[in-house]
Protein backbone atom coordinates (compact mmCIF):
# COMPACT_ATOMS: atom_id res chain seq x y z
CA SER A 1 -11.60 -0.15 -5.46
CA SER A 2 -11.83 1.57 -8.80
CA ILE A 3 -13.98 4.36 -10.22
CA ASP A 4 -15.88 1.65 -12.11
CA ASP A 5 -16.53 -0.15 -8.81
CA TYR A 6 -18.01 3.03 -7.36
CA ALA A 7 -20.13 3.50 -10.50
CA GLY A 8 -21.31 -0.11 -10.22
CA ASP A 9 -22.48 0.62 -6.68
CA VAL A 10 -24.50 3.61 -7.96
CA ILE A 11 -26.04 1.52 -10.75
CA ASP A 12 -26.87 -1.28 -8.27
CA LEU A 13 -28.54 1.28 -5.99
CA LEU A 14 -30.59 2.70 -8.86
CA ASP A 15 -31.70 -0.85 -9.72
CA ALA A 16 -32.54 -1.68 -6.11
CA LEU A 17 -34.63 1.49 -5.84
CA HIS A 18 -36.29 0.83 -9.24
CA VAL A 19 -35.05 4.19 -10.51
CA GLU A 20 -35.11 4.12 -14.30
CA ASP A 21 -33.59 7.52 -14.93
CA ALA A 22 -31.88 10.06 -12.72
CA VAL A 23 -29.96 13.28 -12.65
CA ILE A 24 -26.46 12.11 -11.79
CA GLY A 25 -24.33 14.71 -10.04
CA GLY A 26 -20.72 14.38 -9.08
CA LEU A 27 -18.32 16.67 -7.27
CA SER A 28 -14.61 16.14 -7.88
CA MET A 29 -14.08 12.36 -7.63
CA GLY A 30 -17.87 12.06 -7.87
CA GLY A 31 -17.59 13.55 -11.35
CA TYR A 32 -15.33 10.66 -12.35
CA VAL A 33 -18.00 8.31 -11.00
CA ALA A 34 -20.70 10.19 -12.94
CA PHE A 35 -18.67 9.75 -16.15
CA ALA A 36 -18.35 6.02 -15.40
CA VAL A 37 -22.10 5.66 -14.77
CA PHE A 38 -22.70 7.36 -18.12
CA ARG A 39 -20.13 5.12 -19.82
CA HIS A 40 -21.59 1.86 -18.42
CA ALA A 41 -25.31 2.63 -18.18
CA PRO A 42 -26.23 5.79 -20.12
CA ARG A 43 -29.93 4.85 -20.12
CA TYR A 44 -30.11 5.82 -16.43
CA VAL A 45 -28.74 9.32 -17.01
CA ARG A 46 -31.45 11.92 -17.64
CA ALA A 47 -29.06 14.79 -16.88
CA LEU A 48 -25.58 15.39 -15.48
CA VAL A 49 -24.10 17.83 -12.98
CA LEU A 50 -20.30 17.89 -13.20
CA ALA A 51 -18.91 20.00 -10.36
CA ASP A 52 -15.23 20.84 -9.92
CA THR A 53 -14.13 17.80 -11.88
CA ARG A 54 -12.28 16.96 -15.07
CA PRO A 55 -12.56 14.29 -17.77
CA GLN A 56 -8.82 13.62 -18.07
CA ALA A 57 -7.01 10.74 -16.39
CA ASP A 58 -4.13 11.55 -14.06
CA THR A 59 -0.94 12.67 -15.76
CA PRO A 60 2.29 10.84 -14.84
CA GLU A 61 2.99 13.75 -12.48
CA GLY A 62 -0.48 13.35 -10.99
CA VAL A 63 0.11 9.63 -10.42
CA GLU A 64 3.40 10.44 -8.71
CA GLY A 65 1.62 12.93 -6.44
CA ARG A 66 -0.97 10.27 -5.53
CA LYS A 67 1.83 7.82 -4.68
CA GLN A 68 3.32 10.48 -2.41
CA MET A 69 -0.09 10.88 -0.74
CA LEU A 70 -0.26 7.11 -0.19
CA GLN A 71 3.18 7.24 1.44
CA LEU A 72 2.14 10.22 3.59
CA LEU A 73 -0.94 8.27 4.66
CA ALA A 74 1.18 5.23 5.53
CA ASP A 75 3.73 7.31 7.44
CA LYS A 76 1.54 9.85 9.24
CA GLY A 77 -2.11 8.83 8.88
CA PRO A 78 -5.35 10.60 7.95
CA THR A 79 -4.51 13.77 9.91
CA ALA A 80 -1.55 14.42 7.60
CA ILE A 81 -3.80 13.87 4.57
CA ALA A 82 -6.29 16.41 5.96
CA ASP A 83 -3.48 18.91 6.59
CA ALA A 84 -2.14 18.46 3.05
CA MET A 85 -5.52 18.53 1.31
CA LEU A 86 -7.50 21.26 3.10
CA PRO A 87 -5.66 24.16 1.40
CA LYS A 88 -6.36 22.50 -1.97
CA LEU A 89 -9.97 21.58 -1.26
CA LEU A 90 -11.14 24.92 0.10
CA GLY A 91 -10.78 28.33 -1.50
CA GLU A 92 -8.87 31.18 0.02
CA ALA A 93 -12.05 33.05 0.98
CA THR A 94 -13.46 30.00 2.78
CA ARG A 95 -10.21 29.32 4.64
CA ALA A 96 -9.98 32.97 5.70
CA HIS A 97 -13.59 33.55 6.74
CA HIS A 98 -15.32 30.24 7.46
CA ALA A 99 -13.49 28.29 10.17
CA ASP A 100 -16.65 26.19 10.65
CA ILE A 101 -16.46 24.90 7.07
CA VAL A 102 -12.73 24.20 7.43
CA ALA A 103 -13.42 22.20 10.62
CA TRP A 104 -16.31 20.33 8.97
CA VAL A 105 -14.25 19.31 5.91
CA ARG A 106 -11.39 18.23 8.20
CA SER A 107 -13.85 16.05 10.15
CA LEU A 108 -15.10 14.52 6.88
CA VAL A 109 -11.55 13.50 5.93
CA LEU A 110 -10.84 12.15 9.41
CA SER A 111 -14.10 10.15 9.48
CA ASN A 112 -12.59 7.80 6.87
CA SER A 113 -10.39 4.85 7.72
CA PRO A 114 -6.84 4.82 6.36
CA GLU A 115 -7.92 1.89 4.16
CA ALA A 116 -10.81 3.88 2.67
CA ILE A 117 -8.56 6.87 2.01
CA ALA A 118 -5.94 4.63 0.36
CA GLY A 119 -8.65 3.00 -1.77
CA ALA A 120 -9.91 6.39 -2.94
CA ILE A 121 -6.40 7.61 -3.78
CA SER A 122 -5.74 4.42 -5.75
CA ALA A 123 -9.05 4.78 -7.61
CA LEU A 124 -8.20 8.38 -8.49
CA MET A 125 -4.82 7.53 -9.97
CA THR A 126 -6.11 4.61 -12.04
CA ARG A 127 -9.25 6.27 -13.45
CA PRO A 128 -9.79 6.15 -17.20
CA ASP A 129 -9.68 9.15 -19.49
CA SER A 130 -13.28 10.25 -20.07
CA THR A 131 -12.42 12.92 -22.65
CA PRO A 132 -13.56 10.72 -25.60
CA LEU A 133 -16.95 10.37 -23.88
CA LEU A 134 -17.71 14.10 -23.89
CA SER A 135 -18.93 14.33 -27.49
CA SER A 136 -21.45 11.53 -26.82
CA ILE A 137 -23.12 13.34 -23.91
CA HIS A 138 -26.42 14.69 -25.25
CA CYS A 139 -28.45 14.98 -22.04
CA PRO A 140 -28.80 18.29 -20.19
CA THR A 141 -25.46 18.92 -18.46
CA LEU A 142 -24.45 21.56 -15.94
CA VAL A 143 -20.74 22.17 -15.45
CA LEU A 144 -19.99 23.92 -12.14
CA VAL A 145 -16.66 25.33 -10.98
CA GLY A 146 -15.52 27.51 -8.12
CA ASP A 147 -13.50 30.48 -9.29
CA GLU A 148 -10.91 29.72 -6.57
CA ASP A 149 -10.61 26.02 -7.49
CA THR A 150 -6.91 25.15 -7.85
CA LEU A 151 -7.34 21.35 -8.26
CA THR A 152 -9.66 21.53 -11.28
CA PRO A 153 -9.23 25.16 -12.36
CA ARG A 154 -11.82 27.11 -14.30
CA PRO A 155 -10.16 26.67 -17.74
CA LEU A 156 -10.65 22.90 -17.47
CA SER A 157 -14.36 23.38 -16.80
CA GLU A 158 -14.63 25.89 -19.64
CA GLN A 159 -13.08 23.33 -22.01
CA MET A 160 -15.38 20.56 -20.75
CA HIS A 161 -18.34 22.91 -21.29
CA ARG A 162 -17.19 23.50 -24.89
CA ASP A 163 -16.75 19.75 -25.45
CA ILE A 164 -20.24 18.79 -24.19
CA ALA A 165 -22.67 20.21 -26.74
CA GLY A 166 -25.50 22.18 -25.19
CA SER A 167 -24.04 22.14 -21.68
CA GLU A 168 -24.29 25.08 -19.31
CA LEU A 169 -21.37 26.49 -17.33
CA ALA A 170 -21.78 28.12 -13.93
CA VAL A 171 -18.84 29.72 -12.10
CA ILE A 172 -19.27 30.16 -8.35
CA SER A 173 -17.44 33.20 -7.02
CA GLY A 174 -15.52 32.86 -3.77
CA ALA A 175 -15.61 29.05 -3.97
CA GLY A 176 -12.72 26.61 -4.14
CA HIS A 177 -12.77 22.94 -5.07
CA LEU A 178 -15.41 21.95 -2.52
């Protein structure tokens, strides 16, 4: 699977539902899919919501980290992925005060097969750089970021907001990546 494959599925769904324009929102990896939908079929995109995401492709260090995650998955399974990712996905305030949310996000990770998790990790590390696309986005765009997000920190969202003319930036206090 690739980010473009996921975007193709979204476009196919819009076609099947006879939706001619939509507000496309994406959180984290979903933001990469939203960029790909815009790249391949901008006529569908009435507005964008880009939440805790970034336009850049993975750095070489990022690719190496994804390869390590694939090895962890192969060696120890989805539970190890959940253990490694939960501190990165959820902010400090959520981890400290909302055990129900921590349990729910853990169950979301564990509801995926190892093959699905591996496919998502591979798609993440091979995604294209969407930075050149930003100046061509002229639809209403909301950039959202949690102020405790360590995976796509606030400065990245502030830069994306500056690079998308007319976009709005909203910072959510006490929120991490998810």
